[in-house]
PDB file of N, CA and C in Angstrom:
ATOM      1  N   MET A   1     -13.069  19.265  32.692  1.00  0.00           N
ATOM      2  CA  MET A   1     -12.783  18.681  31.214  1.00  0.00           C
ATOM      3  C   MET A   1     -11.813  19.434  30.397  1.00  0.00           C
ATOM      4  N   MET A   2     -10.974  18.983  30.144  1.00  0.00           N
ATOM      5  CA  MET A   2      -9.809  19.719  29.348  1.00  0.00           C
ATOM      6  C   MET A   2     -10.283  20.349  28.029  1.00  0.00           C
ATOM      7  N   THR A   3      -9.648  21.540  27.580  1.00  0.00           N
ATOM      8  CA  THR A   3     -10.127  22.129  26.105  1.00  0.00           C
ATOM      9  C   THR A   3      -8.871  21.950  25.382  1.00  0.00           C
ATOM     10  N   ASN A   4      -9.195  21.817  24.015  1.00  0.00           N
ATOM     11  CA  ASN A   4      -8.031  21.692  23.035  1.00  0.00           C
ATOM     12  C   ASN A   4      -6.868  22.599  23.235  1.00  0.00           C
ATOM     13  N   ASP A   5      -6.856  23.693  24.128  1.00  0.00           N
ATOM     14  CA  ASP A   5      -6.072  24.824  23.968  1.00  0.00           C
ATOM     15  C   ASP A   5      -5.043  24.239  25.454  1.00  0.00           C
ATOM     16  N   THR A   6      -5.534  23.307  26.030  1.00  0.00           N
ATOM     17  CA  THR A   6      -4.594  23.028  27.245  1.00  0.00           C
ATOM     18  C   THR A   6      -3.988  21.541  26.939  1.00  0.00           C
ATOM     19  N   TYR A   7      -4.630  20.994  25.905  1.00  0.00           N
ATOM     20  CA  TYR A   7      -4.006  19.353  25.635  1.00  0.00           C
ATOM     21  C   TYR A   7      -2.679  19.194  24.820  1.00  0.00           C
ATOM     22  N   THR A   8      -1.840  18.725  25.159  1.00  0.00           N
ATOM     23  CA  THR A   8      -0.547  18.785  24.617  1.00  0.00           C
ATOM     24  C   THR A   8      -0.090  17.154  24.341  1.00  0.00           C
ATOM     25  N   PRO A   9      -0.334  16.727  23.167  1.00  0.00           N
ATOM     26  CA  PRO A   9      -0.092  15.393  22.965  1.00  0.00           C
ATOM     27  C   PRO A   9       1.408  15.023  23.564  1.00  0.00           C
ATOM     28  N   GLN A  10       1.668  13.774  24.026  1.00  0.00           N
ATOM     29  CA  GLN A  10       2.917  13.259  24.306  1.00  0.00           C
ATOM     30  C   GLN A  10       3.164  11.867  24.135  1.00  0.00           C
ATOM     31  N   PRO A  11       3.242  11.733  23.051  1.00  0.00           N
ATOM     32  CA  PRO A  11       3.397  10.087  22.342  1.00  0.00           C
ATOM     33  C   PRO A  11       4.729   9.732  22.687  1.00  0.00           C
ATOM     34  N   ALA A  12       4.857   8.585  23.213  1.00  0.00           N
ATOM     35  CA  ALA A  12       6.210   8.005  23.509  1.00  0.00           C
ATOM     36  C   ALA A  12       7.146   8.261  22.472  1.00  0.00           C
ATOM     37  N   ASP A  13       8.444   8.837  22.882  1.00  0.00           N
ATOM     38  CA  ASP A  13       9.503   8.945  21.800  1.00  0.00           C
ATOM     39  C   ASP A  13       9.982   7.537  21.380  1.00  0.00           C
ATOM     40  N   LEU A  14       9.750   7.326  20.238  1.00  0.00           N
ATOM     41  CA  LEU A  14      10.302   6.127  19.621  1.00  0.00           C
ATOM     42  C   LEU A  14      11.330   6.490  18.228  1.00  0.00           C
ATOM     43  N   THR A  15      11.744   7.639  18.251  1.00  0.00           N
ATOM     44  CA  THR A  15      12.415   7.981  17.313  1.00  0.00           C
ATOM     45  C   THR A  15      13.867   7.173  17.020  1.00  0.00           C
ATOM     46  N   GLN A  16      14.260   6.492  18.309  1.00  0.00           N
ATOM     47  CA  GLN A  16      15.503   5.906  18.349  1.00  0.00           C
ATOM     48  C   GLN A  16      15.428   4.513  18.124  1.00  0.00           C
ATOM     49  N   VAL A  17      14.044   4.305  18.122  1.00  0.00           N
ATOM     50  CA  VAL A  17      13.810   2.487  17.930  1.00  0.00           C
ATOM     51  C   VAL A  17      13.729   2.123  16.308  1.00  0.00           C
ATOM     52  N   GLU A  18      14.526   1.284  15.882  1.00  0.00           N
ATOM     53  CA  GLU A  18      14.513   0.769  14.528  1.00  0.00           C
ATOM     54  C   GLU A  18      13.666  -0.464  14.300  1.00  0.00           C
ATOM     55  N   LEU A  19      12.528  -0.507  13.639  1.00  0.00           N
ATOM     56  CA  LEU A  19      11.774  -1.703  13.291  1.00  0.00           C
ATOM     57  C   LEU A  19      12.573  -2.671  12.473  1.00  0.00           C
ATOM     58  N   PRO A  20      12.712  -3.962  12.927  1.00  0.00           N
ATOM     59  CA  PRO A  20      13.363  -5.032  12.449  1.00  0.00           C
ATOM     60  C   PRO A  20      12.910  -5.363  11.181  1.00  0.00           C
ATOM     61  N   GLU A  21      13.858  -5.441  10.139  1.00  0.00           N
ATOM     62  CA  GLU A  21      13.419  -5.617   8.731  1.00  0.00           C
ATOM     63  C   GLU A  21      12.206  -6.714   8.536  1.00  0.00           C
ATOM     64  N   GLU A  22      12.547  -7.938   9.555  1.00  0.00           N
ATOM     65  CA  GLU A  22      11.399  -8.933   9.364  1.00  0.00           C
ATOM     66  C   GLU A  22      10.034  -8.497   9.640  1.00  0.00           C
ATOM     67  N   LEU A  23       9.715  -7.392  10.594  1.00  0.00           N
ATOM     68  CA  LEU A  23       8.537  -6.832  10.709  1.00  0.00           C
ATOM     69  C   LEU A  23       7.923  -5.982   9.875  1.00  0.00           C
ATOM     70  N   LEU A  24       8.524  -5.521   8.772  1.00  0.00           N
ATOM     71  CA  LEU A  24       8.044  -4.403   7.825  1.00  0.00           C
ATOM     72  C   LEU A  24       6.933  -5.035   7.072  1.00  0.00           C
ATOM     73  N   ALA A  25       7.096  -6.285   6.687  1.00  0.00           N
ATOM     74  CA  ALA A  25       5.606  -6.709   5.683  1.00  0.00           C
ATOM     75  C   ALA A  25       4.686  -6.766   6.995  1.00  0.00           C
ATOM     76  N   LEU A  26       4.773  -7.080   8.408  1.00  0.00           N
ATOM     77  CA  LEU A  26       3.693  -7.185   9.097  1.00  0.00           C
ATOM     78  C   LEU A  26       3.096  -5.622   9.235  1.00  0.00           C
ATOM     79  N   ALA A  27       4.032  -4.663   9.465  1.00  0.00           N
ATOM     80  CA  ALA A  27       3.572  -3.237   9.115  1.00  0.00           C
ATOM     81  C   ALA A  27       2.681  -2.854   8.192  1.00  0.00           C
ATOM     82  N   GLU A  28       2.967  -3.357   7.008  1.00  0.00           N
ATOM     83  CA  GLU A  28       2.393  -3.029   5.496  1.00  0.00           C
ATOM     84  C   GLU A  28       1.039  -3.553   5.908  1.00  0.00           C
ATOM     85  N   ALA A  29       0.649  -4.990   6.332  1.00  0.00           N
ATOM     86  CA  ALA A  29      -0.369  -5.803   6.651  1.00  0.00           C
ATOM     87  C   ALA A  29      -1.167  -4.995   7.833  1.00  0.00           C
ATOM     88  N   MET A  30      -0.369  -4.466   8.697  1.00  0.00           N
ATOM     89  CA  MET A  30      -1.318  -3.930   9.538  1.00  0.00           C
ATOM     90  C   MET A  30      -1.948  -2.537   9.153  1.00  0.00           C
ATOM     91  N   ALA A  31      -1.298  -1.817   8.030  1.00  0.00           N
ATOM     92  CA  ALA A  31      -1.557  -0.587   7.706  1.00  0.00           C
ATOM     93  C   ALA A  31      -2.809  -0.594   6.788  1.00  0.00           C
ATOM     94  N   LYS A  32      -2.831  -1.641   6.079  1.00  0.00           N
ATOM     95  CA  LYS A  32      -4.138  -1.991   5.402  1.00  0.00           C
ATOM     96  C   LYS A  32      -5.113  -2.461   6.133  1.00  0.00           C
ATOM     97  N   ASN A  33      -4.949  -3.081   7.099  1.00  0.00           N
ATOM     98  CA  ASN A  33      -5.915  -3.302   8.158  1.00  0.00           C
ATOM     99  C   ASN A  33      -6.467  -2.051   8.815  1.00  0.00           C
ATOM    100  N   VAL A  34      -5.619  -1.391   9.216  1.00  0.00           N
ATOM    101  CA  VAL A  34      -5.901  -0.105  10.016  1.00  0.00           C
ATOM    102  C   VAL A  34      -7.022   0.886   9.080  1.00  0.00           C
ATOM    103  N   HIS A  35      -6.703   0.728   7.617  1.00  0.00           N
ATOM    104  CA  HIS A  35      -7.456   1.518   6.679  1.00  0.00           C
ATOM    105  C   HIS A  35      -8.866   0.816   6.746  1.00  0.00           C
ATOM    106  N   GLU A  36      -8.882  -0.620   6.586  1.00  0.00           N
ATOM    107  CA  GLU A  36     -10.086  -1.342   6.473  1.00  0.00           C
ATOM    108  C   GLU A  36     -11.049  -0.912   7.793  1.00  0.00           C
ATOM    109  N   VAL A  37     -10.499  -1.159   8.823  1.00  0.00           N
ATOM    110  CA  VAL A  37     -11.288  -0.619   9.989  1.00  0.00           C
ATOM    111  C   VAL A  37     -11.756   0.493   9.984  1.00  0.00           C
ATOM    112  N   TRP A  38     -11.039   1.649   9.873  1.00  0.00           N
ATOM    113  CA  TRP A  38     -11.444   2.780   9.525  1.00  0.00           C
ATOM    114  C   TRP A  38     -12.558   2.895   8.061  1.00  0.00           C
ATOM    115  N   ALA A  39     -12.537   2.444   7.163  1.00  0.00           N
ATOM    116  CA  ALA A  39     -13.510   2.397   6.465  1.00  0.00           C
ATOM    117  C   ALA A  39     -14.711   1.844   6.648  1.00  0.00           C
ATOM    118  N   ALA A  40     -14.518   0.598   7.151  1.00  0.00           N
ATOM    119  CA  ALA A  40     -15.770  -0.261   7.680  1.00  0.00           C
ATOM    120  C   ALA A  40     -16.466   0.619   8.694  1.00  0.00           C
ATOM    121  N   THR A  41     -15.987   1.308   9.535  1.00  0.00           N
ATOM    122  CA  THR A  41     -16.397   2.329  10.509  1.00  0.00           C
ATOM    123  C   THR A  41     -17.203   3.320   9.949  1.00  0.00           C
ATOM    124  N   ARG A  42     -16.545   3.878   8.956  1.00  0.00           N
ATOM    125  CA  ARG A  42     -17.110   5.157   8.272  1.00  0.00           C
ATOM    126  C   ARG A  42     -18.455   4.376   7.488  1.00  0.00           C
ATOM    127  N   ILE A  43     -18.248   3.700   6.774  1.00  0.00           N
ATOM    128  CA  ILE A  43     -19.341   2.972   5.998  1.00  0.00           C
ATOM    129  C   ILE A  43     -20.714   2.749   7.105  1.00  0.00           C
ATOM    130  N   ALA A  44     -20.356   2.069   7.911  1.00  0.00           N
ATOM    131  CA  ALA A  44     -21.294   1.842   9.057  1.00  0.00           C
ATOM    132  C   ALA A  44     -21.936   3.219   9.947  1.00  0.00           C
ATOM    133  N   GLN A  45     -21.400   4.225   9.803  1.00  0.00           N
ATOM    134  CA  GLN A  45     -21.723   5.720   9.934  1.00  0.00           C
ATOM    135  C   GLN A  45     -22.588   6.316   8.802  1.00  0.00           C
ATOM    136  N   GLY A  46     -22.856   5.703   7.880  1.00  0.00           N
ATOM    137  CA  GLY A  46     -23.428   6.057   6.782  1.00  0.00           C
ATOM    138  C   GLY A  46     -22.493   7.028   5.624  1.00  0.00           C
ATOM    139  N   TRP A  47     -21.158   7.002   5.615  1.00  0.00           N
ATOM    140  CA  TRP A  47     -20.265   7.526   4.895  1.00  0.00           C
ATOM    141  C   TRP A  47     -20.124   6.629   3.523  1.00  0.00           C
ATOM    142  N   SER A  48     -20.069   7.258   2.378  1.00  0.00           N
ATOM    143  CA  SER A  48     -19.916   6.651   1.114  1.00  0.00           C
ATOM    144  C   SER A  48     -18.589   7.385   0.333  1.00  0.00           C
ATOM    145  N   TYR A  49     -18.216   6.945  -0.626  1.00  0.00           N
ATOM    146  CA  TYR A  49     -17.168   7.385  -1.461  1.00  0.00           C
ATOM    147  C   TYR A  49     -17.814   8.603  -2.095  1.00  0.00           C
ATOM    148  N   GLY A  50     -16.968   9.537  -2.014  1.00  0.00           N
ATOM    149  CA  GLY A  50     -17.165  11.043  -2.967  1.00  0.00           C
ATOM    150  C   GLY A  50     -15.679  11.148  -3.335  1.00  0.00           C
ATOM    151  N   PRO A  51     -15.570  12.019  -4.439  1.00  0.00           N
ATOM    152  CA  PRO A  51     -14.449  12.467  -5.167  1.00  0.00           C
ATOM    153  C   PRO A  51     -13.550  13.640  -4.059  1.00  0.00           C
ATOM    154  N   GLU A  52     -14.553  14.401  -3.228  1.00  0.00           N
ATOM    155  CA  GLU A  52     -14.041  15.258  -2.400  1.00  0.00           C
ATOM    156  C   GLU A  52     -14.747  14.894  -1.050  1.00  0.00           C
ATOM    157  N   ARG A  53     -14.037  15.420   0.070  1.00  0.00           N
ATOM    158  CA  ARG A  53     -14.576  14.949   1.292  1.00  0.00           C
ATOM    159  C   ARG A  53     -15.712  16.108   1.523  1.00  0.00           C
ATOM    160  N   ASP A  54     -16.945  15.544   1.927  1.00  0.00           N
ATOM    161  CA  ASP A  54     -18.116  16.294   2.191  1.00  0.00           C
ATOM    162  C   ASP A  54     -18.737  16.018   3.332  1.00  0.00           C
ATOM    163  N   ASP A  55     -18.251  16.619   4.602  1.00  0.00           N
ATOM    164  CA  ASP A  55     -19.023  15.959   5.912  1.00  0.00           C
ATOM    165  C   ASP A  55     -20.398  16.284   5.853  1.00  0.00           C
ATOM    166  N   LYS A  56     -20.954  17.115   5.450  1.00  0.00           N
ATOM    167  CA  LYS A  56     -22.238  17.191   5.537  1.00  0.00           C
ATOM    168  C   LYS A  56     -23.109  15.893   5.003  1.00  0.00           C
ATOM    169  N   ASN A  57     -22.631  15.705   3.554  1.00  0.00           N
ATOM    170  CA  ASN A  57     -23.219  14.621   2.986  1.00  0.00           C
ATOM    171  C   ASN A  57     -22.536  13.268   3.162  1.00  0.00           C
ATOM    172  N   ARG A  58     -21.547  13.139   3.981  1.00  0.00           N
ATOM    173  CA  ARG A  58     -20.687  12.059   4.308  1.00  0.00           C
ATOM    174  C   ARG A  58     -20.168  11.267   3.354  1.00  0.00           C
ATOM    175  N   HIS A  59     -19.441  12.055   2.507  1.00  0.00           N
ATOM    176  CA  HIS A  59     -18.595  11.581   1.083  1.00  0.00           C
ATOM    177  C   HIS A  59     -17.220  11.677   1.563  1.00  0.00           C
ATOM    178  N   HIS A  60     -16.330  10.545   1.470  1.00  0.00           N
ATOM    179  CA  HIS A  60     -14.872  10.949   1.752  1.00  0.00           C
ATOM    180  C   HIS A  60     -14.276  10.155   0.264  1.00  0.00           C
ATOM    181  N   PRO A  61     -13.337  10.694   0.172  1.00  0.00           N
ATOM    182  CA  PRO A  61     -12.265  10.351  -1.044  1.00  0.00           C
ATOM    183  C   PRO A  61     -11.460   8.997  -0.808  1.00  0.00           C
ATOM    184  N   CYS A  62     -11.382   8.854   0.335  1.00  0.00           N
ATOM    185  CA  CYS A  62     -10.325   7.369   0.798  1.00  0.00           C
ATOM    186  C   CYS A  62     -11.250   6.387   0.996  1.00  0.00           C
ATOM    187  N   LEU A  63     -12.678   6.390   0.738  1.00  0.00           N
ATOM    188  CA  LEU A  63     -13.403   5.080   0.838  1.00  0.00           C
ATOM    189  C   LEU A  63     -13.166   4.420  -0.474  1.00  0.00           C
ATOM    190  N   VAL A  64     -12.143   3.667  -0.378  1.00  0.00           N
ATOM    191  CA  VAL A  64     -11.271   3.044  -1.572  1.00  0.00           C
ATOM    192  C   VAL A  64     -10.603   2.033  -1.049  1.00  0.00           C
ATOM    193  N   PRO A  65     -10.364   0.698  -1.526  1.00  0.00           N
ATOM    194  CA  PRO A  65      -9.562  -0.270  -1.174  1.00  0.00           C
ATOM    195  C   PRO A  65      -8.051   0.462  -1.149  1.00  0.00           C
ATOM    196  N   TYR A  66      -7.424  -0.032  -0.034  1.00  0.00           N
ATOM    197  CA  TYR A  66      -6.123   0.378   0.550  1.00  0.00           C
ATOM    198  C   TYR A  66      -5.218   0.652  -0.849  1.00  0.00           C
ATOM    199  N   GLU A  67      -5.215  -0.435  -1.587  1.00  0.00           N
ATOM    200  CA  GLU A  67      -4.147  -0.414  -2.820  1.00  0.00           C
ATOM    201  C   GLU A  67      -4.511   1.096  -3.796  1.00  0.00           C
ATOM    202  N   GLU A  68      -5.767   1.399  -3.611  1.00  0.00           N
ATOM    203  CA  GLU A  68      -5.984   2.746  -4.412  1.00  0.00           C
ATOM    204  C   GLU A  68      -5.822   3.992  -3.846  1.00  0.00           C
ATOM    205  N   LEU A  69      -5.525   3.908  -2.437  1.00  0.00           N
ATOM    206  CA  LEU A  69      -5.164   5.021  -1.661  1.00  0.00           C
ATOM    207  C   LEU A  69      -4.144   5.953  -2.258  1.00  0.00           C
ATOM    208  N   PRO A  70      -4.149   7.133  -2.210  1.00  0.00           N
ATOM    209  CA  PRO A  70      -2.916   8.096  -2.611  1.00  0.00           C
ATOM    210  C   PRO A  70      -1.717   7.949  -1.492  1.00  0.00           C
ATOM    211  N   GLU A  71      -0.436   7.941  -2.183  1.00  0.00           N
ATOM    212  CA  GLU A  71       0.653   7.471  -1.238  1.00  0.00           C
ATOM    213  C   GLU A  71       0.575   8.009   0.179  1.00  0.00           C
ATOM    214  N   GLU A  72       0.298   9.408   0.452  1.00  0.00           N
ATOM    215  CA  GLU A  72       0.212  10.063   1.339  1.00  0.00           C
ATOM    216  C   GLU A  72      -0.756   9.485   2.560  1.00  0.00           C
ATOM    217  N   GLU A  73      -1.767   8.842   1.900  1.00  0.00           N
ATOM    218  CA  GLU A  73      -2.649   8.389   2.843  1.00  0.00           C
ATOM    219  C   GLU A  73      -2.191   6.650   3.225  1.00  0.00           C
ATOM    220  N   LYS A  74      -1.518   6.304   2.560  1.00  0.00           N
ATOM    221  CA  LYS A  74      -1.109   5.122   3.005  1.00  0.00           C
ATOM    222  C   LYS A  74       0.256   5.239   3.669  1.00  0.00           C
ATOM    223  N   THR A  75       1.086   6.331   3.756  1.00  0.00           N
ATOM    224  CA  THR A  75       2.140   6.626   4.407  1.00  0.00           C
ATOM    225  C   THR A  75       1.496   7.006   5.858  1.00  0.00           C
ATOM    226  N   TYR A  76       0.088   7.622   6.162  1.00  0.00           N
ATOM    227  CA  TYR A  76      -0.055   7.855   7.388  1.00  0.00           C
ATOM    228  C   TYR A  76      -0.554   6.752   7.940  1.00  0.00           C
ATOM    229  N   ASP A  77      -1.021   5.489   7.421  1.00  0.00           N
ATOM    230  CA  ASP A  77      -1.403   4.215   8.112  1.00  0.00           C
ATOM    231  C   ASP A  77      -0.128   3.396   8.297  1.00  0.00           C
ATOM    232  N   ARG A  78       0.844   3.530   7.443  1.00  0.00           N
ATOM    233  CA  ARG A  78       1.810   2.733   7.765  1.00  0.00           C
ATOM    234  C   ARG A  78       2.685   3.272   9.161  1.00  0.00           C
ATOM    235  N   ASN A  79       2.723   4.705   9.092  1.00  0.00           N
ATOM    236  CA  ASN A  79       3.301   5.258  10.481  1.00  0.00           C
ATOM    237  C   ASN A  79       2.598   4.815  11.668  1.00  0.00           C
ATOM    238  N   THR A  80       1.468   4.560  11.667  1.00  0.00           N
ATOM    239  CA  THR A  80       0.492   4.161  12.649  1.00  0.00           C
ATOM    240  C   THR A  80       0.927   2.921  12.971  1.00  0.00           C
ATOM    241  N   SER A  81       0.979   1.924  11.877  1.00  0.00           N
ATOM    242  CA  SER A  81       1.358   0.612  12.385  1.00  0.00           C
ATOM    243  C   SER A  81       2.881   0.408  12.473  1.00  0.00           C
ATOM    244  N   ILE A  82       3.701   1.106  11.957  1.00  0.00           N
ATOM    245  CA  ILE A  82       5.117   0.988  12.660  1.00  0.00           C
ATOM    246  C   ILE A  82       5.418   1.624  13.959  1.00  0.00           C
ATOM    247  N   GLU A  83       4.508   2.828  14.409  1.00  0.00           N
ATOM    248  CA  GLU A  83       4.734   3.283  15.815  1.00  0.00           C
ATOM    249  C   GLU A  83       4.067   2.408  16.630  1.00  0.00           C
ATOM    250  N   THR A  84       3.206   1.556  16.439  1.00  0.00           N
ATOM    251  CA  THR A  84       2.540   0.751  17.119  1.00  0.00           C
ATOM    252  C   THR A  84       3.210  -0.320  17.428  1.00  0.00           C
ATOM    253  N   LEU A  85       4.000  -0.946  16.409  1.00  0.00           N
ATOM    254  CA  LEU A  85       5.069  -2.219  16.592  1.00  0.00           C
ATOM    255  C   LEU A  85       6.090  -1.682  17.222  1.00  0.00           C
ATOM    256  N   LYS A  86       6.745  -0.409  17.144  1.00  0.00           N
ATOM    257  CA  LYS A  86       7.660  -0.091  17.941  1.00  0.00           C
ATOM    258  C   LYS A  86       7.487   0.011  19.374  1.00  0.00           C
ATOM    259  N   PHE A  87       6.357   0.462  19.572  1.00  0.00           N
ATOM    260  CA  PHE A  87       5.816   0.816  21.170  1.00  0.00           C
ATOM    261  C   PHE A  87       5.792  -0.667  21.753  1.00  0.00           C
ATOM    262  N   ILE A  88       5.109  -1.624  20.981  1.00  0.00           N
ATOM    263  CA  ILE A  88       4.962  -3.128  21.569  1.00  0.00           C
ATOM    264  C   ILE A  88       6.477  -3.680  21.859  1.00  0.00           C
ATOM    265  N   LEU A  89       7.096  -3.293  20.992  1.00  0.00           N
ATOM    266  CA  LEU A  89       8.747  -3.649  21.212  1.00  0.00           C
ATOM    267  C   LEU A  89       9.276  -3.278  22.410  1.00  0.00           C
ATOM    268  N   THR A  90       9.327  -1.595  22.319  1.00  0.00           N
ATOM    269  CA  THR A  90       9.829  -1.284  23.705  1.00  0.00           C
ATOM    270  C   THR A  90       9.147  -1.433  25.066  1.00  0.00           C
ATOM    271  N   HIS A  91       8.112  -2.024  24.898  1.00  0.00           N
ATOM    272  CA  HIS A  91       7.498  -2.367  26.279  1.00  0.00           C
ATOM    273  C   HIS A  91       7.687  -3.872  26.594  1.00  0.00           C
ATOM    274  N   GLY A  92       8.693  -4.631  25.958  1.00  0.00           N
ATOM    275  CA  GLY A  92       9.149  -5.875  26.235  1.00  0.00           C
ATOM    276  C   GLY A  92       8.592  -7.235  25.658  1.00  0.00           C
ATOM    277  N   PHE A  93       7.698  -6.760  24.709  1.00  0.00           N
ATOM    278  CA  PHE A  93       6.972  -7.793  23.864  1.00  0.00           C
ATOM    279  C   PHE A  93       7.832  -8.307  22.794  1.00  0.00           C
ATOM    280  N   ARG A  94       7.712  -9.368  22.484  1.00  0.00           N
ATOM    281  CA  ARG A  94       8.275 -10.067  21.124  1.00  0.00           C
ATOM    282  C   ARG A  94       7.331 -10.480  20.177  1.00  0.00           C
ATOM    283  N   ILE A  95       7.328 -10.270  19.069  1.00  0.00           N
ATOM    284  CA  ILE A  95       6.550 -10.860  18.024  1.00  0.00           C
ATOM    285  C   ILE A  95       7.279 -11.964  17.166  1.00  0.00           C
ATOM    286  N   ASN A  96       6.607 -12.936  17.192  1.00  0.00           N
ATOM    287  CA  ASN A  96       7.128 -14.245  16.651  1.00  0.00           C
ATOM    288  C   ASN A  96       6.145 -14.786  15.536  1.00  0.00           C
ATOM    289  N   LYS A  97       6.839 -14.950  14.333  1.00  0.00           N
ATOM    290  CA  LYS A  97       5.548 -15.523  13.483  1.00  0.00           C
ATOM    291  C   LYS A  97       5.542 -16.982  13.640  1.00  0.00           C
ATOM    292  N   ALA A  98       4.321 -17.304  13.645  1.00  0.00           N
ATOM    293  CA  ALA A  98       3.781 -18.817  14.085  1.00  0.00           C
ATOM    294  C   ALA A  98       4.212 -19.761  12.880  1.00  0.00           C
TER     295      ALA A  98
END
């Protein structure tokens, strides 16, 4: 088993990939859904809203609707979505609106 001391993350280098303008709305919708999935999982694990993170009592300040998140939290979710879309595109898949 690997320990954290030996693990070096190696995400795909997508810095040269530009997400097409028409996918930006999809990226934002995905970011909201990423947050919703995360929040639903936390709530199912017994977490609830609290003004400060408290692991012992399972309180988290981000257990709020996506629209109420601080901008830095939205940015984290957006980056996850954007990088996922870039990864999909670089692997030859195309995204078409039905």
